[in-house]
């Protein structure tokens, strides 16, 4: 099953569990005033609406905020506050329609805003944390600084820092990097996943690994190249050990030839 499908499936499962829990518990008076099915519809509609708002706000924030690897706390804070305000207005309207509650006063909206933030935090905390962890933003240790030489001994070279960002389940047999919007898709012999960072920052952290950038959207490890294919227009493509076909831009073609990769095989 593709990693992205697995991630979406797990997210839907967590949201469904949250909706069921809220329907069973019936917080904020819904247990007393509604039956189970109306509560299920009530909380299901609110959670689905809130999560859709959250996804849209995050999508916009990813395109607006620079250097998301460092600004993700600001992105999440902006998303929570924006969704909180919009969801507060939606809940106030729904409460007025269903239960005749009038929250359209400064005090009422402030009270409702607090409730909305509590529910939003409880429902989204685990999915958001898992998402950040999978993309290597939280939960990974930063690379240790190189040890200073002692008594003139040469310092032991340390592995490329980027390798510490790769999810452990993918191993460290790095094949290629592929740029996807604000993400970098890392390809290894065991599969692929997305990491939230810029391509140029990822390439900078790969110093010491035998490989090179072959396109503005691709970096390839030398050991991953099994064949070089030439198109009728003369452009080159690299066939990797995992079957991925990577284009070589005209800008980077001279460095690929200079590295001797073209001599491996040209078809």
Protein backbone atom coordinates (compact mmCIF):
# COMPACT_ATOMS: atom_id res chain seq x y z
CA UNK A 1 0.00 0.00 0.00
CA UNK A 2 1.42 3.46 -0.89
CA UNK A 3 2.74 5.43 2.07
CA UNK A 4 0.46 8.37 1.33
CA UNK A 5 -2.63 6.10 1.31
CA UNK A 6 -1.53 4.56 4.59
CA UNK A 7 -1.13 8.02 6.13
CA UNK A 8 -4.57 9.16 4.96
CA UNK A 9 -6.16 5.94 6.19
CA UNK A 10 -4.65 6.32 9.64
CA UNK A 11 -5.73 9.97 9.80
CA UNK A 12 -9.32 9.05 8.92
CA UNK A 13 -9.27 6.29 11.54
CA UNK A 14 -8.14 8.75 14.24
CA UNK A 15 -10.80 11.27 13.25
CA UNK A 16 -13.51 8.60 13.22
CA UNK A 17 -12.43 7.51 16.70
CA UNK A 18 -12.58 11.12 17.92
CA UNK A 19 -16.08 11.59 16.51
CA UNK A 20 -17.31 8.37 18.11
CA UNK A 21 -15.79 9.31 21.48
CA UNK A 22 -17.42 12.76 21.44
CA UNK A 23 -20.76 11.25 20.41
CA UNK A 24 -20.60 8.76 23.29
CA UNK A 25 -19.46 11.29 25.90
CA UNK A 26 -21.72 14.12 24.70
CA UNK A 27 -19.75 17.08 26.13
CA UNK A 28 -21.11 20.62 26.47
CA UNK A 29 -24.67 19.52 27.10
CA UNK A 30 -25.13 17.44 23.95
CA UNK A 31 -25.50 14.19 25.94
CA UNK A 32 -28.42 15.60 27.92
CA UNK A 33 -30.23 17.24 25.02
CA UNK A 34 -29.57 14.90 22.07
CA UNK A 35 -29.90 11.21 21.29
CA UNK A 36 -26.90 9.20 20.14
CA UNK A 37 -27.51 9.49 16.38
CA UNK A 38 -28.09 13.27 16.50
CA UNK A 39 -24.92 13.60 18.62
CA UNK A 40 -23.02 11.49 16.10
CA UNK A 41 -24.19 13.74 13.26
CA UNK A 42 -23.53 16.89 15.30
CA UNK A 43 -19.96 16.05 16.26
CA UNK A 44 -19.20 14.33 12.96
CA UNK A 45 -20.22 17.42 11.01
CA UNK A 46 -18.26 19.78 13.25
CA UNK A 47 -15.09 17.67 13.29
CA UNK A 48 -15.19 17.09 9.52
CA UNK A 49 -15.75 20.80 8.89
CA UNK A 50 -13.01 21.83 11.30
CA UNK A 51 -10.47 19.40 9.88
CA UNK A 52 -11.23 20.52 6.32
CA UNK A 53 -10.69 24.14 7.39
CA UNK A 54 -7.42 23.14 9.08
CA UNK A 55 -6.11 21.37 5.97
CA UNK A 56 -6.94 24.37 3.76
CA UNK A 57 -5.29 26.85 6.12
CA UNK A 58 -2.14 24.69 6.38
CA UNK A 59 -2.03 24.38 2.58
CA UNK A 60 -2.10 28.16 2.22
CA UNK A 61 0.47 28.63 5.01
CA UNK A 62 2.89 26.20 3.33
CA UNK A 63 2.86 28.40 0.24
CA UNK A 64 3.17 31.70 2.10
CA UNK A 65 5.63 31.02 4.92
CA UNK A 66 9.31 30.57 3.95
CA UNK A 67 11.62 27.90 5.38
CA UNK A 68 8.88 25.71 6.86
CA UNK A 69 11.36 23.50 8.67
CA UNK A 70 11.89 26.39 11.11
CA UNK A 71 8.54 28.18 10.88
CA UNK A 72 6.22 25.18 11.38
CA UNK A 73 5.27 26.30 14.96
CA UNK A 74 4.08 29.63 13.51
CA UNK A 75 2.20 27.77 10.77
CA UNK A 76 0.40 25.55 13.28
CA UNK A 77 -0.42 28.46 15.60
CA UNK A 78 -1.88 30.43 12.70
CA UNK A 79 -3.87 27.39 11.57
CA UNK A 80 -5.29 26.73 15.05
CA UNK A 81 -6.31 30.35 15.61
CA UNK A 82 -7.83 30.76 12.15
CA UNK A 83 -9.78 27.52 12.37
CA UNK A 84 -10.80 28.37 15.94
CA UNK A 85 -12.37 31.67 14.86
CA UNK A 86 -14.14 30.18 11.83
CA UNK A 87 -15.33 27.15 13.76
CA UNK A 88 -16.61 29.33 16.60
CA UNK A 89 -18.84 31.20 14.18
CA UNK A 90 -20.03 27.91 12.66
CA UNK A 91 -20.85 26.44 16.09
CA UNK A 92 -22.64 29.63 17.19
CA UNK A 93 -24.84 29.46 14.08
CA UNK A 94 -25.48 25.73 14.55
CA UNK A 95 -26.34 26.12 18.23
CA UNK A 96 -28.77 28.91 17.39
CA UNK A 97 -30.48 26.77 14.76
CA UNK A 98 -30.60 23.48 16.69
CA UNK A 99 -30.94 24.45 20.35
CA UNK A 100 -31.92 28.11 20.28
CA UNK A 101 -28.72 29.19 22.05
CA UNK A 102 -27.64 32.78 21.34
CA UNK A 103 -23.84 32.99 21.39
CA UNK A 104 -23.65 36.05 19.12
CA UNK A 105 -22.47 38.36 21.89
CA UNK A 106 -18.87 39.22 22.84
CA UNK A 107 -19.08 37.12 26.01
CA UNK A 108 -20.85 34.26 24.26
CA UNK A 109 -18.38 34.10 21.38
CA UNK A 110 -15.43 34.28 23.80
CA UNK A 111 -16.84 31.37 25.82
CA UNK A 112 -17.54 29.36 22.69
CA UNK A 113 -14.07 30.11 21.31
CA UNK A 114 -12.54 28.52 24.42
CA UNK A 115 -14.64 25.38 23.99
CA UNK A 116 -13.71 25.16 20.31
CA UNK A 117 -9.98 25.47 21.03
CA UNK A 118 -10.17 22.71 23.65
CA UNK A 119 -11.96 20.28 21.31
CA UNK A 120 -9.73 21.22 18.36
CA UNK A 121 -6.59 20.60 20.39
CA UNK A 122 -7.80 17.25 21.74
CA UNK A 123 -8.89 16.01 18.31
CA UNK A 124 -5.90 17.19 16.28
CA UNK A 125 -2.96 16.82 18.71
CA UNK A 126 -2.15 13.18 17.92
CA UNK A 127 -2.64 13.35 14.11
CA UNK A 128 -0.55 16.54 13.87
CA UNK A 129 2.22 15.10 16.06
CA UNK A 130 2.35 11.91 13.98
CA UNK A 131 2.51 13.98 10.78
CA UNK A 132 5.40 16.09 12.09
CA UNK A 133 7.21 12.99 13.32
CA UNK A 134 6.89 11.19 9.98
CA UNK A 135 8.28 14.20 8.14
CA UNK A 136 11.31 14.31 10.46
CA UNK A 137 10.38 17.69 12.00
CA UNK A 138 10.03 16.36 15.56
CA UNK A 139 11.30 13.22 17.18
CA UNK A 140 14.68 13.06 15.46
CA UNK A 141 17.94 13.95 17.12
CA UNK A 142 19.99 16.74 15.54
CA UNK A 143 23.39 15.57 14.34
CA UNK A 144 26.13 15.85 16.96
CA UNK A 145 28.93 18.34 16.28
CA UNK A 146 32.19 16.81 15.08
CA UNK A 147 34.64 15.88 17.81
CA UNK A 148 37.73 18.03 18.12
CA UNK A 149 41.02 16.31 17.26
CA UNK A 150 43.12 15.28 20.24
CA UNK A 151 46.90 15.48 20.20
CA UNK A 152 47.04 16.11 16.49
CA UNK A 153 44.89 13.09 15.59
CA UNK A 154 42.61 13.67 12.57
CA UNK A 155 38.93 14.12 13.38
CA UNK A 156 36.74 11.14 12.57
CA UNK A 157 34.50 12.07 9.64
CA UNK A 158 30.83 12.00 10.61
CA UNK A 159 27.98 10.80 8.37
CA UNK A 160 26.08 13.34 6.30
CA UNK A 161 23.59 15.13 8.64
CA UNK A 162 20.69 14.49 6.28
CA UNK A 163 20.85 10.75 7.00
CA UNK A 164 19.59 11.43 10.54
CA UNK A 165 16.38 12.84 9.07
CA UNK A 166 15.46 9.66 7.20
CA UNK A 167 12.77 7.63 9.02
CA UNK A 168 14.43 4.56 10.56
CA UNK A 169 12.10 2.16 8.71
CA UNK A 170 13.65 3.33 5.42
CA UNK A 171 17.23 2.52 6.41
CA UNK A 172 20.18 4.58 5.20
CA UNK A 173 20.74 3.20 1.71
CA UNK A 174 19.94 6.55 0.11
CA UNK A 175 19.18 6.45 -3.62
CA UNK A 176 17.76 9.85 -4.51
CA UNK A 177 15.96 12.98 -3.38
CA UNK A 178 12.98 14.39 -5.26
CA UNK A 179 11.52 17.85 -4.68
CA UNK A 180 7.74 17.99 -4.13
CA UNK A 181 6.50 21.51 -3.44
CA UNK A 182 7.94 22.46 0.01
CA UNK A 183 8.87 18.83 0.71
CA UNK A 184 11.72 16.57 -0.28
CA UNK A 185 10.82 12.97 -1.08
CA UNK A 186 13.61 10.70 0.06
CA UNK A 187 14.04 7.44 -1.89
CA UNK A 188 15.92 4.54 -0.30
CA UNK A 189 16.23 0.85 -1.10
CA UNK A 190 13.33 0.20 1.34
CA UNK A 191 10.84 2.78 0.07
CA UNK A 192 10.18 6.54 0.15
CA UNK A 193 8.68 9.26 2.33
CA UNK A 194 8.37 13.04 2.54
CA UNK A 195 10.51 15.34 4.68
CA UNK A 196 9.58 18.99 5.17
CA UNK A 197 12.61 20.97 4.01
CA UNK A 198 14.00 22.72 0.94
CA UNK A 199 15.97 20.78 -1.66
CA UNK A 200 18.98 23.08 -1.42
CA UNK A 201 19.15 22.59 2.36
CA UNK A 202 18.91 18.82 1.94
CA UNK A 203 21.69 18.80 -0.67
CA UNK A 204 23.88 20.89 1.62
CA UNK A 205 23.46 18.25 4.35
CA UNK A 206 24.58 15.49 1.97
CA UNK A 207 28.18 16.69 1.78
CA UNK A 208 30.49 13.70 1.88
CA UNK A 209 28.13 11.32 0.08
CA UNK A 210 29.08 10.32 -3.48
CA UNK A 211 26.23 11.82 -5.43
CA UNK A 212 25.12 14.99 -7.17
CA UNK A 213 22.19 17.15 -8.12
CA UNK A 214 21.18 16.25 -11.68
CA UNK A 215 18.10 18.47 -11.97
CA UNK A 216 16.62 21.32 -9.94
CA UNK A 217 14.18 18.75 -8.53
CA UNK A 218 16.48 15.71 -8.15
CA UNK A 219 19.62 14.63 -6.33
CA UNK A 220 20.99 11.12 -7.07
CA UNK A 221 23.52 8.90 -5.31
CA UNK A 222 26.22 7.55 -7.61
CA UNK A 223 25.71 3.97 -6.40
CA UNK A 224 22.01 4.11 -7.32
CA UNK A 225 22.57 4.60 -11.07
CA UNK A 226 22.24 1.39 -13.08
CA UNK A 227 21.79 2.81 -16.57
CA UNK A 228 21.76 6.07 -18.52
CA UNK A 229 19.13 6.55 -21.20
CA UNK A 230 19.31 9.12 -23.97
CA UNK A 231 16.15 10.58 -25.52
CA UNK A 232 15.89 11.46 -29.25
CA UNK A 233 16.42 15.14 -28.37
CA UNK A 234 19.70 14.28 -26.65
CA UNK A 235 18.51 14.71 -23.06
CA UNK A 236 19.70 12.15 -20.53
CA UNK A 237 17.77 10.20 -17.92
CA UNK A 238 19.14 8.04 -15.11
CA UNK A 239 17.64 4.65 -14.33
CA UNK A 240 18.04 3.86 -10.61
CA UNK A 241 18.18 0.55 -8.78
CA UNK A 242 14.58 0.97 -7.58
CA UNK A 243 13.33 1.51 -11.14
CA UNK A 244 12.92 5.28 -10.83
CA UNK A 245 13.74 7.21 -14.03
CA UNK A 246 15.31 10.58 -13.17
CA UNK A 247 15.67 13.34 -15.78
CA UNK A 248 19.00 15.13 -16.18
CA UNK A 249 18.68 18.82 -16.99
CA UNK A 250 20.92 20.42 -19.60
CA UNK A 251 22.42 22.57 -16.84
CA UNK A 252 23.61 19.54 -14.87
CA UNK A 253 24.41 17.22 -17.81
CA UNK A 254 28.10 18.33 -18.04
CA UNK A 255 28.74 17.44 -14.38
CA UNK A 256 27.02 14.05 -14.88
CA UNK A 257 29.29 13.33 -17.84
CA UNK A 258 32.36 14.57 -15.97
CA UNK A 259 31.55 12.17 -13.10
CA UNK A 260 31.67 9.27 -15.55
CA UNK A 261 28.07 8.21 -15.01
CA UNK A 262 27.29 8.21 -18.72
CA UNK A 263 29.97 5.55 -19.25
CA UNK A 264 28.00 3.06 -17.14
CA UNK A 265 25.52 2.41 -19.94
CA UNK A 266 23.75 4.49 -22.52
CA UNK A 267 20.66 3.20 -24.32
